[in-house]
Amino acid sequence: MKPPSSIQTSEFRDKLAAHLSSRDSQSRSVSR
């Protein structure tokens, strides 16, 4: 089994990636 810390880290990275991708798409539409 994975330690809770690694599970939280993977979930955090997943949320962070989604946040960055959404922010990147917003900044692109704004720059246009």
PDB file of N, CA and C in Angstrom:
ATOM      1  N   MET A   1       0.845  -1.220   0.000  1.00  0.00           N
ATOM      2  CA  MET A   1       0.000   0.000   0.000  1.00  0.00           C
ATOM      3  C   MET A   1       0.866   1.251   0.000  1.00  0.00           C
ATOM      4  N   LYS A   2       0.361   2.280  -0.650  1.00  0.00           N
ATOM      5  CA  LYS A   2       1.102   3.540  -0.653  1.00  0.00           C
ATOM      6  C   LYS A   2       0.845   4.306   0.647  1.00  0.00           C
ATOM      7  N   PRO A   3       1.818   5.020   1.137  1.00  0.00           N
ATOM      8  CA  PRO A   3       1.615   5.837   2.341  1.00  0.00           C
ATOM      9  C   PRO A   3       0.642   6.973   2.037  1.00  0.00           C
ATOM     10  N   PRO A   4      -0.127   7.421   3.020  1.00  0.00           N
ATOM     11  CA  PRO A   4      -1.115   8.497   2.797  1.00  0.00           C
ATOM     12  C   PRO A   4      -0.473   9.734   2.170  1.00  0.00           C
ATOM     13  N   SER A   5       0.785  10.003   2.519  1.00  0.00           N
ATOM     14  CA  SER A   5       1.435  11.209   1.990  1.00  0.00           C
ATOM     15  C   SER A   5       1.539  11.149   0.469  1.00  0.00           C
ATOM     16  N   SER A   6       1.876   9.973  -0.068  1.00  0.00           N
ATOM     17  CA  SER A   6       2.027   9.862  -1.530  1.00  0.00           C
ATOM     18  C   SER A   6       0.669   9.991  -2.208  1.00  0.00           C
ATOM     19  N   ILE A   7      -0.375   9.476  -1.566  1.00  0.00           N
ATOM     20  CA  ILE A   7      -1.723   9.587  -2.151  1.00  0.00           C
ATOM     21  C   ILE A   7      -2.143  11.057  -2.175  1.00  0.00           C
ATOM     22  N   GLN A   8      -1.911  11.754  -1.080  1.00  0.00           N
ATOM     23  CA  GLN A   8      -2.276  13.170  -1.029  1.00  0.00           C
ATOM     24  C   GLN A   8      -1.454  13.959  -2.043  1.00  0.00           C
ATOM     25  N   THR A   9      -0.192  13.582  -2.206  1.00  0.00           N
ATOM     26  CA  THR A   9       0.667  14.294  -3.149  1.00  0.00           C
ATOM     27  C   THR A   9       0.161  14.118  -4.576  1.00  0.00           C
ATOM     28  N   SER A  10      -0.207  12.892  -4.938  1.00  0.00           N
ATOM     29  CA  SER A  10      -0.695  12.649  -6.304  1.00  0.00           C
ATOM     30  C   SER A  10      -2.000  13.397  -6.531  1.00  0.00           C
ATOM     31  N   GLU A  11      -2.866  13.404  -5.525  1.00  0.00           N
ATOM     32  CA  GLU A  11      -4.147  14.120  -5.665  1.00  0.00           C
ATOM     33  C   GLU A  11      -3.884  15.616  -5.784  1.00  0.00           C
ATOM     34  N   PHE A  12      -2.923  16.114  -4.995  1.00  0.00           N
ATOM     35  CA  PHE A  12      -2.582  17.531  -5.042  1.00  0.00           C
ATOM     36  C   PHE A  12      -2.035  17.905  -6.419  1.00  0.00           C
ATOM     37  N   ARG A  13      -1.160  17.050  -6.960  1.00  0.00           N
ATOM     38  CA  ARG A  13      -0.588  17.331  -8.290  1.00  0.00           C
ATOM     39  C   ARG A  13      -1.681  17.317  -9.345  1.00  0.00           C
ATOM     40  N   ASP A  14      -2.664  16.413  -9.183  1.00  0.00           N
ATOM     41  CA  ASP A  14      -3.750  16.337 -10.161  1.00  0.00           C
ATOM     42  C   ASP A  14      -4.574  17.620 -10.126  1.00  0.00           C
ATOM     43  N   LYS A  15      -4.876  18.093  -8.915  1.00  0.00           N
ATOM     44  CA  LYS A  15      -5.651  19.333  -8.795  1.00  0.00           C
ATOM     45  C   LYS A  15      -4.831  20.509  -9.309  1.00  0.00           C
ATOM     46  N   LEU A  16      -3.534  20.504  -8.997  1.00  0.00           N
ATOM     47  CA  LEU A  16      -2.673  21.597  -9.430  1.00  0.00           C
ATOM     48  C   LEU A  16      -2.595  21.643 -10.952  1.00  0.00           C
ATOM     49  N   ALA A  17      -2.463  20.492 -11.583  1.00  0.00           N
ATOM     50  CA  ALA A  17      -2.396  20.438 -13.045  1.00  0.00           C
ATOM     51  C   ALA A  17      -3.687  20.960 -13.654  1.00  0.00           C
ATOM     52  N   ALA A  18      -4.818  20.575 -13.078  1.00  0.00           N
ATOM     53  CA  ALA A  18      -6.107  21.036 -13.601  1.00  0.00           C
ATOM     54  C   ALA A  18      -6.221  22.545 -13.425  1.00  0.00           C
ATOM     55  N   HIS A  19      -5.750  23.058 -12.291  1.00  0.00           N
ATOM     56  CA  HIS A  19      -5.820  24.498 -12.035  1.00  0.00           C
ATOM     57  C   HIS A  19      -4.934  25.257 -13.018  1.00  0.00           C
ATOM     58  N   LEU A  20      -3.727  24.752 -13.241  1.00  0.00           N
ATOM     59  CA  LEU A  20      -2.810  25.426 -14.159  1.00  0.00           C
ATOM     60  C   LEU A  20      -3.350  25.399 -15.584  1.00  0.00           C
ATOM     61  N   SER A  21      -3.904  24.272 -16.007  1.00  0.00           N
ATOM     62  CA  SER A  21      -4.420  24.166 -17.378  1.00  0.00           C
ATOM     63  C   SER A  21      -5.595  25.117 -17.570  1.00  0.00           C
ATOM     64  N   SER A  22      -6.479  25.203 -16.572  1.00  0.00           N
ATOM     65  CA  SER A  22      -7.646  26.083 -16.702  1.00  0.00           C
ATOM     66  C   SER A  22      -7.189  27.539 -16.705  1.00  0.00           C
ATOM     67  N   ARG A  23      -6.199  27.865 -15.850  1.00  0.00           N
ATOM     68  CA  ARG A  23      -5.713  29.239 -15.803  1.00  0.00           C
ATOM     69  C   ARG A  23      -5.009  29.589 -17.111  1.00  0.00           C
ATOM     70  N   ASP A  24      -4.278  28.622 -17.671  1.00  0.00           N
ATOM     71  CA  ASP A  24      -3.563  28.870 -18.919  1.00  0.00           C
ATOM     72  C   ASP A  24      -4.550  29.145 -20.050  1.00  0.00           C
ATOM     73  N   SER A  25      -5.629  28.376 -20.106  1.00  0.00           N
ATOM     74  CA  SER A  25      -6.619  28.574 -21.173  1.00  0.00           C
ATOM     75  C   SER A  25      -7.291  29.933 -21.000  1.00  0.00           C
ATOM     76  N   GLN A  26      -7.545  30.341 -19.757  1.00  0.00           N
ATOM     77  CA  GLN A  26      -8.176  31.642 -19.522  1.00  0.00           C
ATOM     78  C   GLN A  26      -7.240  32.764 -19.958  1.00  0.00           C
ATOM     79  N   SER A  27      -5.956  32.658 -19.599  1.00  0.00           N
ATOM     80  CA  SER A  27      -5.002  33.703 -19.963  1.00  0.00           C
ATOM     81  C   SER A  27      -4.874  33.793 -21.484  1.00  0.00           C
ATOM     82  N   ARG A  28      -4.955  32.664 -22.174  1.00  0.00           N
ATOM     83  CA  ARG A  28      -4.862  32.689 -23.639  1.00  0.00           C
ATOM     84  C   ARG A  28      -6.053  33.433 -24.228  1.00  0.00           C
ATOM     85  N   SER A  29      -7.261  33.152 -23.724  1.00  0.00           N
ATOM     86  CA  SER A  29      -8.450  33.811 -24.267  1.00  0.00           C
ATOM     87  C   SER A  29      -8.393  35.305 -23.952  1.00  0.00           C
ATOM     88  N   VAL A  30      -7.826  35.665 -22.806  1.00  0.00           N
ATOM     89  CA  VAL A  30      -7.730  37.080 -22.442  1.00  0.00           C
ATOM     90  C   VAL A  30      -6.715  37.787 -23.330  1.00  0.00           C
ATOM     91  N   SER A  31      -5.583  37.119 -23.605  1.00  0.00           N
ATOM     92  CA  SER A  31      -4.546  37.747 -24.428  1.00  0.00           C
ATOM     93  C   SER A  31      -5.083  38.025 -25.827  1.00  0.00           C
ATOM     94  N   ARG A  32      -6.016  37.201 -26.291  1.00  0.00           N
ATOM     95  CA  ARG A  32      -6.622  37.469 -27.590  1.00  0.00           C
ATOM     96  C   ARG A  32      -7.502  38.703 -27.477  1.00  0.00           C
TER      97      ARG A  32
END
